[in-house]
Amino acid sequence: MCTYQDLKKFNIPIGFRGKNTIVVQLWWIVNDTLFRWSPQFLYSWRRLILRFFGAKIGKNVLIRPTVKITYPWKLEIGDFSWIGDEVVLYSLGKIKIGENVVISQRSYLCSASHDFSNKCFNIYTKNIVVENESWIATDVYIHPGVTIGEGAVVGARSSVFKDLPPGKICYGTPAVSIGDRVKNAKALHVN
C-alpha cells in the first residue's frame, strides 16, 4: 500500500515534451553522438545542431560539447553567452539565457519538478530566466521558476531557490545577496 506516492498513477501530461516521441528520441541520439563527440572548437557546429532542433541561439554563443540539454526547442540563449563543460540544461520547461551570460561548468538549471504533496507525484514546469551579463559560477543549482537578475553573480556551489536581484553578488544555500557587483571595475594586475 502506497502512503505518500503511488507511481503507477503517474502520467506525463499530453504535449508535455513539446515534440513527438520520434523527435525527442532523435534529439537524444544526436545529443549523445554528433553533439557530444564534436571537437571542442566546433561551436558553430553545435549551434547549428541546436537551431535545427528548434533552439533559439544567438551569435557567437559558446557551448561545450559535454553540455546536456533535455529539449532544445525549449531553450533560448542570447548573443555571446558561454555554456561550460558538463552543464545540464534540464529544459522540461523553458530556459531563457540572456546575452553575455556565463554558465560555468557543472551547473544545473532545472525547470521542472514533481508535486510531492500529490500522491500521483504530478510533474510541473516553471521557466528559468538568466538575464543579460550574469555569471553563474561552477556547480550552481537553479530551481524551477527562478529569475537571475541582470549582472548578478552567483557564487560557486550555491543553490538558488528564489529570484536574485540584478547587480548583486549572491552566494550560499539558499543563495542570498552578499554585496554589490561593481560596474566597469578596472582589472587588478599583479606585478
N, C-alpha and C. Protein backbone atom coordinates (compact mmCIF):
# COMPACT_ATOMS: atom_id res chain seq x y z
N MET A 1 0.84 -1.19 0.00
CA MET A 1 0.00 0.00 0.00
C MET A 1 0.88 1.25 0.00
N CYS A 2 0.60 2.16 -0.90
CA CYS A 2 1.37 3.41 -1.01
C CYS A 2 0.73 4.49 -0.16
N THR A 3 1.52 5.04 0.75
CA THR A 3 1.02 6.09 1.64
C THR A 3 1.32 7.48 1.10
N TYR A 4 2.53 7.69 0.59
CA TYR A 4 2.95 9.03 0.19
C TYR A 4 2.90 9.26 -1.32
N GLN A 5 3.34 8.28 -2.09
CA GLN A 5 3.29 8.43 -3.54
C GLN A 5 3.06 7.08 -4.18
N ASP A 6 2.21 7.10 -5.19
CA ASP A 6 1.85 5.88 -5.92
C ASP A 6 2.23 6.09 -7.38
N LEU A 7 3.43 5.69 -7.75
CA LEU A 7 3.98 6.00 -9.07
C LEU A 7 3.26 5.29 -10.21
N LYS A 8 2.50 4.25 -9.94
CA LYS A 8 1.74 3.62 -11.02
C LYS A 8 0.63 4.55 -11.52
N LYS A 9 0.28 5.57 -10.74
CA LYS A 9 -0.74 6.54 -11.14
C LYS A 9 -0.14 7.76 -11.85
N PHE A 10 1.19 7.80 -11.93
CA PHE A 10 1.86 8.94 -12.58
C PHE A 10 1.64 8.90 -14.09
N ASN A 11 1.35 10.06 -14.67
CA ASN A 11 1.20 10.21 -16.12
C ASN A 11 1.91 11.48 -16.57
N ILE A 12 2.58 11.38 -17.71
CA ILE A 12 3.14 12.57 -18.35
C ILE A 12 1.98 13.31 -19.02
N PRO A 13 1.79 14.60 -18.74
CA PRO A 13 0.70 15.34 -19.39
C PRO A 13 0.86 15.34 -20.92
N ILE A 14 -0.26 15.32 -21.62
CA ILE A 14 -0.25 15.35 -23.09
C ILE A 14 0.45 16.61 -23.56
N GLY A 15 1.38 16.45 -24.50
CA GLY A 15 2.12 17.58 -25.07
C GLY A 15 3.23 18.13 -24.19
N PHE A 16 3.49 17.46 -23.08
CA PHE A 16 4.46 17.95 -22.10
C PHE A 16 5.85 18.17 -22.71
N ARG A 17 6.29 17.25 -23.55
CA ARG A 17 7.63 17.35 -24.12
C ARG A 17 7.74 18.41 -25.21
N GLY A 18 6.63 18.79 -25.80
CA GLY A 18 6.66 19.83 -26.83
C GLY A 18 6.91 19.31 -28.23
N LYS A 19 7.30 18.07 -28.37
CA LYS A 19 7.52 17.42 -29.67
C LYS A 19 7.09 15.97 -29.52
N ASN A 20 6.92 15.30 -30.66
CA ASN A 20 6.51 13.89 -30.58
C ASN A 20 7.69 13.01 -30.16
N THR A 21 7.38 11.78 -29.82
CA THR A 21 8.37 10.84 -29.29
C THR A 21 9.54 10.61 -30.24
N ILE A 22 9.28 10.57 -31.54
CA ILE A 22 10.34 10.34 -32.52
C ILE A 22 11.35 11.49 -32.49
N VAL A 23 10.87 12.73 -32.47
CA VAL A 23 11.77 13.89 -32.43
C VAL A 23 12.57 13.89 -31.13
N VAL A 24 11.90 13.60 -30.02
CA VAL A 24 12.59 13.56 -28.73
C VAL A 24 13.71 12.53 -28.76
N GLN A 25 13.42 11.32 -29.22
CA GLN A 25 14.44 10.27 -29.27
C GLN A 25 15.56 10.62 -30.23
N LEU A 26 15.22 11.20 -31.37
CA LEU A 26 16.24 11.62 -32.33
C LEU A 26 17.17 12.65 -31.71
N TRP A 27 16.60 13.63 -30.99
CA TRP A 27 17.43 14.62 -30.32
C TRP A 27 18.38 13.95 -29.34
N TRP A 28 17.88 13.05 -28.52
CA TRP A 28 18.73 12.41 -27.51
C TRP A 28 19.87 11.64 -28.16
N ILE A 29 19.61 11.01 -29.31
CA ILE A 29 20.67 10.30 -30.03
C ILE A 29 21.70 11.30 -30.58
N VAL A 30 21.22 12.38 -31.19
CA VAL A 30 22.13 13.40 -31.74
C VAL A 30 22.93 14.06 -30.62
N ASN A 31 22.27 14.36 -29.50
CA ASN A 31 22.96 15.00 -28.37
C ASN A 31 24.09 14.11 -27.83
N ASP A 32 23.84 12.81 -27.79
CA ASP A 32 24.84 11.89 -27.24
C ASP A 32 25.90 11.45 -28.26
N THR A 33 25.75 11.86 -29.51
CA THR A 33 26.73 11.46 -30.54
C THR A 33 27.30 12.69 -31.25
N LEU A 34 26.61 13.19 -32.24
CA LEU A 34 27.12 14.29 -33.08
C LEU A 34 27.46 15.54 -32.27
N PHE A 35 26.65 15.83 -31.28
CA PHE A 35 26.89 17.00 -30.42
C PHE A 35 28.05 16.72 -29.46
N ARG A 36 27.94 15.67 -28.67
CA ARG A 36 28.90 15.35 -27.61
C ARG A 36 30.28 14.97 -28.16
N TRP A 37 30.32 14.30 -29.31
CA TRP A 37 31.58 13.85 -29.87
C TRP A 37 32.29 14.93 -30.68
N SER A 38 31.66 16.07 -30.88
CA SER A 38 32.30 17.12 -31.69
C SER A 38 33.48 17.72 -30.95
N PRO A 39 34.56 18.05 -31.69
CA PRO A 39 35.71 18.69 -31.05
C PRO A 39 35.31 20.00 -30.38
N GLN A 40 36.00 20.32 -29.31
CA GLN A 40 35.64 21.48 -28.51
C GLN A 40 35.50 22.77 -29.32
N PHE A 41 36.38 22.98 -30.31
CA PHE A 41 36.40 24.24 -31.05
C PHE A 41 35.24 24.38 -32.05
N LEU A 42 34.43 23.35 -32.25
CA LEU A 42 33.34 23.40 -33.24
C LEU A 42 32.05 23.99 -32.65
N TYR A 43 32.16 25.18 -32.11
CA TYR A 43 31.00 25.84 -31.52
C TYR A 43 29.91 26.09 -32.55
N SER A 44 30.30 26.48 -33.76
CA SER A 44 29.30 26.75 -34.80
C SER A 44 28.52 25.49 -35.16
N TRP A 45 29.18 24.33 -35.14
CA TRP A 45 28.52 23.06 -35.41
C TRP A 45 27.45 22.78 -34.37
N ARG A 46 27.76 22.98 -33.10
CA ARG A 46 26.79 22.72 -32.03
C ARG A 46 25.65 23.74 -32.08
N ARG A 47 25.96 24.99 -32.42
CA ARG A 47 24.88 25.98 -32.59
C ARG A 47 23.94 25.56 -33.71
N LEU A 48 24.50 25.07 -34.81
CA LEU A 48 23.71 24.62 -35.96
C LEU A 48 22.79 23.46 -35.56
N ILE A 49 23.32 22.48 -34.85
CA ILE A 49 22.51 21.34 -34.41
C ILE A 49 21.36 21.81 -33.52
N LEU A 50 21.67 22.67 -32.56
CA LEU A 50 20.63 23.16 -31.66
C LEU A 50 19.55 23.93 -32.41
N ARG A 51 19.96 24.78 -33.34
CA ARG A 51 18.98 25.53 -34.14
C ARG A 51 18.11 24.60 -34.97
N PHE A 52 18.71 23.55 -35.51
CA PHE A 52 17.96 22.56 -36.29
C PHE A 52 16.84 21.95 -35.45
N PHE A 53 17.10 21.75 -34.15
CA PHE A 53 16.11 21.17 -33.26
C PHE A 53 15.24 22.23 -32.58
N GLY A 54 15.29 23.47 -33.05
CA GLY A 54 14.35 24.49 -32.59
C GLY A 54 14.83 25.42 -31.50
N ALA A 55 16.07 25.29 -31.05
CA ALA A 55 16.60 26.23 -30.05
C ALA A 55 16.82 27.59 -30.70
N LYS A 56 16.65 28.63 -29.92
CA LYS A 56 16.96 29.99 -30.37
C LYS A 56 18.32 30.34 -29.81
N ILE A 57 19.33 30.31 -30.67
CA ILE A 57 20.71 30.50 -30.24
C ILE A 57 21.26 31.75 -30.92
N GLY A 58 21.76 32.70 -30.14
CA GLY A 58 22.32 33.94 -30.65
C GLY A 58 23.67 33.73 -31.32
N LYS A 59 24.23 34.84 -31.78
CA LYS A 59 25.52 34.76 -32.47
C LYS A 59 26.66 34.59 -31.47
N ASN A 60 27.67 33.84 -31.93
CA ASN A 60 28.90 33.61 -31.17
C ASN A 60 28.69 33.02 -29.78
N VAL A 61 27.64 32.24 -29.62
CA VAL A 61 27.41 31.53 -28.37
C VAL A 61 28.39 30.36 -28.32
N LEU A 62 29.05 30.18 -27.18
CA LEU A 62 30.00 29.09 -26.99
C LEU A 62 29.37 28.04 -26.08
N ILE A 63 29.12 26.87 -26.66
CA ILE A 63 28.53 25.76 -25.91
C ILE A 63 29.50 24.59 -25.99
N ARG A 64 29.95 24.11 -24.85
CA ARG A 64 30.89 23.00 -24.80
C ARG A 64 30.19 21.70 -25.21
N PRO A 65 30.94 20.74 -25.75
CA PRO A 65 30.33 19.50 -26.22
C PRO A 65 29.75 18.63 -25.12
N THR A 66 30.16 18.83 -23.87
CA THR A 66 29.65 18.00 -22.77
C THR A 66 28.37 18.54 -22.14
N VAL A 67 27.84 19.64 -22.68
CA VAL A 67 26.59 20.20 -22.18
C VAL A 67 25.45 19.23 -22.48
N LYS A 68 24.55 19.05 -21.53
CA LYS A 68 23.39 18.17 -21.70
C LYS A 68 22.13 19.02 -21.71
N ILE A 69 21.39 18.94 -22.81
CA ILE A 69 20.16 19.73 -22.99
C ILE A 69 19.01 18.75 -23.21
N THR A 70 17.98 18.84 -22.39
CA THR A 70 16.89 17.88 -22.48
C THR A 70 16.05 18.12 -23.73
N TYR A 71 15.49 19.31 -23.89
CA TYR A 71 14.66 19.64 -25.05
C TYR A 71 15.12 20.98 -25.62
N PRO A 72 15.90 20.98 -26.70
CA PRO A 72 16.43 22.24 -27.22
C PRO A 72 15.36 23.21 -27.72
N TRP A 73 14.21 22.72 -28.12
CA TRP A 73 13.13 23.59 -28.59
C TRP A 73 12.53 24.43 -27.46
N LYS A 74 12.96 24.19 -26.22
CA LYS A 74 12.52 25.00 -25.08
C LYS A 74 13.67 25.85 -24.53
N LEU A 75 14.68 26.09 -25.38
CA LEU A 75 15.89 26.80 -24.95
C LEU A 75 16.13 28.03 -25.81
N GLU A 76 16.49 29.13 -25.14
CA GLU A 76 16.87 30.36 -25.82
C GLU A 76 18.13 30.90 -25.15
N ILE A 77 19.16 31.19 -25.98
CA ILE A 77 20.42 31.73 -25.48
C ILE A 77 20.78 32.95 -26.31
N GLY A 78 21.05 34.08 -25.65
CA GLY A 78 21.39 35.32 -26.33
C GLY A 78 22.83 35.37 -26.81
N ASP A 79 23.13 36.39 -27.60
CA ASP A 79 24.44 36.58 -28.22
C ASP A 79 25.58 36.56 -27.19
N PHE A 80 26.70 35.98 -27.60
CA PHE A 80 27.98 36.00 -26.88
C PHE A 80 27.95 35.34 -25.50
N SER A 81 27.00 34.46 -25.26
CA SER A 81 26.96 33.75 -23.97
C SER A 81 27.79 32.48 -24.04
N TRP A 82 28.23 32.02 -22.87
CA TRP A 82 29.08 30.83 -22.76
C TRP A 82 28.40 29.82 -21.85
N ILE A 83 28.37 28.56 -22.31
CA ILE A 83 27.82 27.47 -21.52
C ILE A 83 28.94 26.45 -21.32
N GLY A 84 29.37 26.26 -20.07
CA GLY A 84 30.57 25.49 -19.75
C GLY A 84 30.39 23.99 -19.75
N ASP A 85 31.51 23.30 -19.53
CA ASP A 85 31.54 21.84 -19.53
C ASP A 85 30.60 21.24 -18.49
N GLU A 86 29.92 20.18 -18.92
CA GLU A 86 29.05 19.38 -18.06
C GLU A 86 27.89 20.14 -17.44
N VAL A 87 27.52 21.27 -18.03
CA VAL A 87 26.31 21.99 -17.60
C VAL A 87 25.11 21.17 -18.03
N VAL A 88 24.09 21.11 -17.17
CA VAL A 88 22.83 20.47 -17.52
C VAL A 88 21.76 21.54 -17.63
N LEU A 89 21.14 21.62 -18.80
CA LEU A 89 20.00 22.49 -19.02
C LEU A 89 18.78 21.59 -19.10
N TYR A 90 18.19 21.32 -17.95
CA TYR A 90 17.06 20.41 -17.84
C TYR A 90 15.81 21.18 -18.25
N SER A 91 15.65 21.28 -19.56
CA SER A 91 14.66 22.18 -20.16
C SER A 91 13.32 21.51 -20.41
N LEU A 92 12.74 20.93 -19.36
CA LEU A 92 11.37 20.44 -19.49
C LEU A 92 10.42 21.62 -19.59
N GLY A 93 10.74 22.70 -18.89
CA GLY A 93 10.10 24.00 -19.08
C GLY A 93 11.09 24.86 -19.84
N LYS A 94 10.69 26.08 -20.17
CA LYS A 94 11.58 26.95 -20.95
C LYS A 94 12.73 27.48 -20.09
N ILE A 95 13.89 27.57 -20.72
CA ILE A 95 15.06 28.20 -20.12
C ILE A 95 15.50 29.30 -21.06
N LYS A 96 15.53 30.52 -20.54
CA LYS A 96 15.96 31.67 -21.34
C LYS A 96 17.22 32.26 -20.71
N ILE A 97 18.29 32.25 -21.48
CA ILE A 97 19.58 32.78 -21.04
C ILE A 97 19.87 34.00 -21.89
N GLY A 98 20.16 35.13 -21.26
CA GLY A 98 20.35 36.38 -21.98
C GLY A 98 21.69 36.47 -22.70
N GLU A 99 22.06 37.68 -23.05
CA GLU A 99 23.31 37.96 -23.75
C GLU A 99 24.45 38.14 -22.76
N ASN A 100 25.66 37.74 -23.21
CA ASN A 100 26.87 37.92 -22.41
C ASN A 100 26.78 37.26 -21.03
N VAL A 101 26.13 36.11 -20.99
CA VAL A 101 25.96 35.34 -19.76
C VAL A 101 27.00 34.23 -19.74
N VAL A 102 27.52 33.92 -18.56
CA VAL A 102 28.41 32.78 -18.38
C VAL A 102 27.72 31.80 -17.43
N ILE A 103 27.54 30.57 -17.90
CA ILE A 103 27.08 29.47 -17.05
C ILE A 103 28.27 28.53 -16.93
N SER A 104 28.90 28.51 -15.77
CA SER A 104 30.14 27.75 -15.60
C SER A 104 29.89 26.26 -15.42
N GLN A 105 30.99 25.52 -15.50
CA GLN A 105 30.97 24.06 -15.52
C GLN A 105 30.17 23.45 -14.37
N ARG A 106 29.49 22.36 -14.74
CA ARG A 106 28.73 21.51 -13.83
C ARG A 106 27.53 22.19 -13.17
N SER A 107 27.11 23.34 -13.65
CA SER A 107 25.90 23.95 -13.12
C SER A 107 24.68 23.21 -13.65
N TYR A 108 23.56 23.31 -12.93
CA TYR A 108 22.35 22.55 -13.25
C TYR A 108 21.16 23.49 -13.18
N LEU A 109 20.56 23.77 -14.34
CA LEU A 109 19.36 24.59 -14.41
C LEU A 109 18.18 23.66 -14.60
N CYS A 110 17.30 23.60 -13.61
CA CYS A 110 16.23 22.60 -13.54
C CYS A 110 14.87 23.29 -13.64
N SER A 111 14.22 23.19 -14.79
CA SER A 111 12.95 23.90 -15.00
C SER A 111 11.72 23.02 -14.75
N ALA A 112 11.89 21.93 -14.02
CA ALA A 112 10.75 21.06 -13.71
C ALA A 112 10.98 20.33 -12.40
N SER A 113 9.88 19.90 -11.79
CA SER A 113 9.96 19.09 -10.59
C SER A 113 8.66 18.32 -10.43
N HIS A 114 8.49 17.69 -9.29
CA HIS A 114 7.28 16.92 -9.00
C HIS A 114 6.60 17.47 -7.77
N ASP A 115 5.29 17.35 -7.73
CA ASP A 115 4.49 17.77 -6.59
C ASP A 115 4.46 16.62 -5.58
N PHE A 116 5.32 16.70 -4.59
CA PHE A 116 5.43 15.63 -3.60
C PHE A 116 4.21 15.53 -2.70
N SER A 117 3.37 16.58 -2.68
CA SER A 117 2.17 16.55 -1.84
C SER A 117 1.01 15.81 -2.54
N ASN A 118 1.18 15.51 -3.82
CA ASN A 118 0.17 14.80 -4.58
C ASN A 118 0.59 13.34 -4.71
N LYS A 119 -0.30 12.44 -4.34
CA LYS A 119 0.03 11.01 -4.35
C LYS A 119 0.44 10.51 -5.74
N CYS A 120 -0.07 11.15 -6.80
CA CYS A 120 0.28 10.76 -8.17
C CYS A 120 1.65 11.30 -8.59
N PHE A 121 2.30 12.13 -7.73
CA PHE A 121 3.64 12.66 -7.99
C PHE A 121 3.67 13.47 -9.30
N ASN A 122 2.62 14.31 -9.49
CA ASN A 122 2.48 15.08 -10.72
C ASN A 122 3.74 15.90 -11.02
N ILE A 123 4.07 15.97 -12.30
CA ILE A 123 5.21 16.76 -12.76
C ILE A 123 4.72 18.15 -13.16
N TYR A 124 5.54 19.16 -12.93
CA TYR A 124 5.19 20.52 -13.34
C TYR A 124 6.45 21.22 -13.85
N THR A 125 6.24 22.26 -14.63
CA THR A 125 7.36 23.07 -15.13
C THR A 125 7.18 24.52 -14.70
N LYS A 126 8.31 25.19 -14.54
CA LYS A 126 8.35 26.64 -14.32
C LYS A 126 9.59 27.14 -15.03
N ASN A 127 9.41 28.18 -15.82
CA ASN A 127 10.50 28.71 -16.64
C ASN A 127 11.62 29.31 -15.78
N ILE A 128 12.83 29.22 -16.31
CA ILE A 128 14.01 29.83 -15.70
C ILE A 128 14.49 30.93 -16.63
N VAL A 129 14.85 32.08 -16.06
CA VAL A 129 15.41 33.19 -16.82
C VAL A 129 16.72 33.62 -16.17
N VAL A 130 17.77 33.68 -16.98
CA VAL A 130 19.05 34.22 -16.54
C VAL A 130 19.28 35.46 -17.39
N GLU A 131 19.18 36.63 -16.77
CA GLU A 131 19.23 37.88 -17.52
C GLU A 131 20.65 38.23 -17.97
N ASN A 132 20.73 39.19 -18.88
CA ASN A 132 21.99 39.60 -19.50
C ASN A 132 23.10 39.85 -18.49
N GLU A 133 24.33 39.50 -18.90
CA GLU A 133 25.57 39.82 -18.19
C GLU A 133 25.69 39.18 -16.81
N SER A 134 24.94 38.12 -16.58
CA SER A 134 25.03 37.39 -15.32
C SER A 134 26.12 36.33 -15.41
N TRP A 135 26.63 35.93 -14.26
CA TRP A 135 27.61 34.85 -14.20
C TRP A 135 27.14 33.84 -13.16
N ILE A 136 26.89 32.63 -13.63
CA ILE A 136 26.56 31.52 -12.76
C ILE A 136 27.86 30.72 -12.62
N ALA A 137 28.47 30.77 -11.45
CA ALA A 137 29.77 30.11 -11.25
C ALA A 137 29.61 28.60 -11.20
N THR A 138 30.68 27.89 -10.97
CA THR A 138 30.69 26.43 -11.07
C THR A 138 29.75 25.73 -10.08
N ASP A 139 29.10 24.68 -10.58
CA ASP A 139 28.34 23.76 -9.75
C ASP A 139 27.17 24.42 -9.01
N VAL A 140 26.47 25.34 -9.69
CA VAL A 140 25.32 26.03 -9.10
C VAL A 140 24.04 25.31 -9.52
N TYR A 141 23.11 25.16 -8.58
CA TYR A 141 21.79 24.60 -8.87
C TYR A 141 20.79 25.75 -8.93
N ILE A 142 19.98 25.79 -10.00
CA ILE A 142 18.92 26.79 -10.13
C ILE A 142 17.58 26.06 -10.22
N HIS A 143 16.69 26.39 -9.31
CA HIS A 143 15.38 25.77 -9.12
C HIS A 143 14.38 26.25 -10.17
N PRO A 144 13.33 25.46 -10.46
CA PRO A 144 12.29 25.90 -11.39
C PRO A 144 11.67 27.23 -10.98
N GLY A 145 11.43 28.08 -11.97
CA GLY A 145 10.74 29.35 -11.75
C GLY A 145 11.61 30.51 -11.32
N VAL A 146 12.92 30.33 -11.26
CA VAL A 146 13.82 31.37 -10.77
C VAL A 146 14.24 32.31 -11.90
N THR A 147 14.36 33.60 -11.56
CA THR A 147 14.95 34.60 -12.44
C THR A 147 16.21 35.13 -11.76
N ILE A 148 17.31 35.10 -12.51
CA ILE A 148 18.57 35.68 -12.05
C ILE A 148 18.65 37.07 -12.67
N GLY A 149 18.72 38.11 -11.85
CA GLY A 149 18.70 39.48 -12.34
C GLY A 149 19.92 39.85 -13.16
N GLU A 150 19.77 40.86 -13.98
CA GLU A 150 20.83 41.33 -14.88
C GLU A 150 22.10 41.64 -14.10
N GLY A 151 23.21 41.09 -14.59
CA GLY A 151 24.51 41.37 -14.00
C GLY A 151 24.79 40.70 -12.68
N ALA A 152 23.90 39.84 -12.23
CA ALA A 152 24.12 39.16 -10.95
C ALA A 152 25.23 38.12 -11.09
N VAL A 153 25.93 37.87 -9.99
CA VAL A 153 26.93 36.82 -9.91
C VAL A 153 26.45 35.83 -8.85
N VAL A 154 26.42 34.55 -9.21
CA VAL A 154 26.03 33.50 -8.25
C VAL A 154 27.27 32.68 -7.97
N GLY A 155 27.71 32.68 -6.72
CA GLY A 155 28.95 32.03 -6.32
C GLY A 155 28.92 30.52 -6.45
N ALA A 156 30.10 29.94 -6.57
CA ALA A 156 30.29 28.50 -6.75
C ALA A 156 29.53 27.69 -5.70
N ARG A 157 28.94 26.61 -6.16
CA ARG A 157 28.23 25.63 -5.34
C ARG A 157 27.03 26.20 -4.59
N SER A 158 26.49 27.30 -5.08
CA SER A 158 25.28 27.86 -4.48
C SER A 158 24.06 27.11 -4.99
N SER A 159 22.96 27.23 -4.24
CA SER A 159 21.67 26.70 -4.65
C SER A 159 20.68 27.84 -4.65
N VAL A 160 20.02 28.04 -5.79
CA VAL A 160 19.14 29.20 -5.96
C VAL A 160 17.69 28.72 -6.01
N PHE A 161 16.90 29.11 -5.01
CA PHE A 161 15.51 28.69 -4.92
C PHE A 161 14.53 29.85 -5.11
N LYS A 162 15.03 31.08 -5.10
CA LYS A 162 14.20 32.28 -5.28
C LYS A 162 14.93 33.24 -6.21
N ASP A 163 14.17 34.15 -6.81
CA ASP A 163 14.75 35.15 -7.71
C ASP A 163 15.88 35.90 -7.01
N LEU A 164 16.91 36.22 -7.81
CA LEU A 164 18.03 37.02 -7.29
C LEU A 164 18.03 38.38 -7.96
N PRO A 165 18.35 39.43 -7.19
CA PRO A 165 18.27 40.80 -7.73
C PRO A 165 19.39 41.11 -8.71
N PRO A 166 19.17 42.09 -9.58
CA PRO A 166 20.21 42.48 -10.53
C PRO A 166 21.39 43.15 -9.83
N GLY A 167 22.57 42.99 -10.44
CA GLY A 167 23.76 43.70 -9.98
C GLY A 167 24.27 43.30 -8.62
N LYS A 168 23.91 42.12 -8.15
CA LYS A 168 24.34 41.67 -6.82
C LYS A 168 25.24 40.46 -6.93
N ILE A 169 26.08 40.28 -5.94
CA ILE A 169 26.85 39.05 -5.78
C ILE A 169 26.07 38.21 -4.77
N CYS A 170 25.75 36.99 -5.16
CA CYS A 170 24.91 36.13 -4.33
C CYS A 170 25.65 34.82 -4.09
N TYR A 171 25.43 34.26 -2.91
CA TYR A 171 26.16 33.05 -2.55
C TYR A 171 25.40 32.29 -1.47
N GLY A 172 25.55 30.97 -1.47
CA GLY A 172 25.06 30.15 -0.38
C GLY A 172 23.96 29.19 -0.78
N THR A 173 23.50 28.45 0.23
CA THR A 173 22.39 27.53 0.07
C THR A 173 21.43 27.76 1.21
N PRO A 174 20.36 28.49 0.96
CA PRO A 174 19.97 29.11 -0.30
C PRO A 174 20.79 30.37 -0.58
N ALA A 175 20.95 30.68 -1.86
CA ALA A 175 21.73 31.85 -2.26
C ALA A 175 21.04 33.13 -1.80
N VAL A 176 21.86 34.03 -1.25
CA VAL A 176 21.38 35.35 -0.83
C VAL A 176 22.40 36.38 -1.29
N SER A 177 21.96 37.62 -1.38
CA SER A 177 22.84 38.70 -1.78
C SER A 177 23.85 38.98 -0.67
N ILE A 178 25.14 39.07 -1.05
CA ILE A 178 26.17 39.39 -0.06
C ILE A 178 26.91 40.68 -0.41
N GLY A 179 26.49 41.34 -1.51
CA GLY A 179 27.13 42.59 -1.87
C GLY A 179 26.78 43.02 -3.28
N ASP A 180 27.30 44.18 -3.64
CA ASP A 180 27.06 44.74 -4.96
C ASP A 180 28.16 44.33 -5.93
N ARG A 181 27.76 44.13 -7.17
CA ARG A 181 28.75 43.90 -8.23
C ARG A 181 29.13 45.28 -8.76
N VAL A 182 30.42 45.53 -8.85
CA VAL A 182 30.90 46.84 -9.29
C VAL A 182 30.89 46.88 -10.81
N LYS A 183 30.26 47.92 -11.39
CA LYS A 183 30.24 48.08 -12.84
C LYS A 183 31.54 48.69 -13.31
N ASN A 184 32.00 48.21 -14.47
CA ASN A 184 33.19 48.76 -15.13
C ASN A 184 34.40 48.88 -14.22
N ALA A 185 34.56 47.93 -13.32
CA ALA A 185 35.72 47.95 -12.43
C ALA A 185 36.98 47.72 -13.25
N LYS A 186 38.06 48.40 -12.89
CA LYS A 186 39.33 48.19 -13.56
C LYS A 186 39.92 46.88 -13.07
N ALA A 187 40.50 46.16 -14.00
CA ALA A 187 41.11 44.87 -13.66
C ALA A 187 42.29 45.10 -12.70
N LEU A 188 42.42 44.19 -11.78
CA LEU A 188 43.56 44.23 -10.87
C LEU A 188 44.72 43.50 -11.51
N HIS A 189 45.87 44.11 -11.50
CA HIS A 189 47.06 43.49 -12.09
C HIS A 189 48.07 43.22 -10.98
N VAL A 190 48.60 42.02 -11.01
CA VAL A 190 49.64 41.66 -10.04
C VAL A 190 50.98 41.73 -10.76
N ASN A 191 51.89 42.53 -10.23
CA ASN A 191 53.20 42.69 -10.86
C ASN A 191 54.21 41.75 -10.27
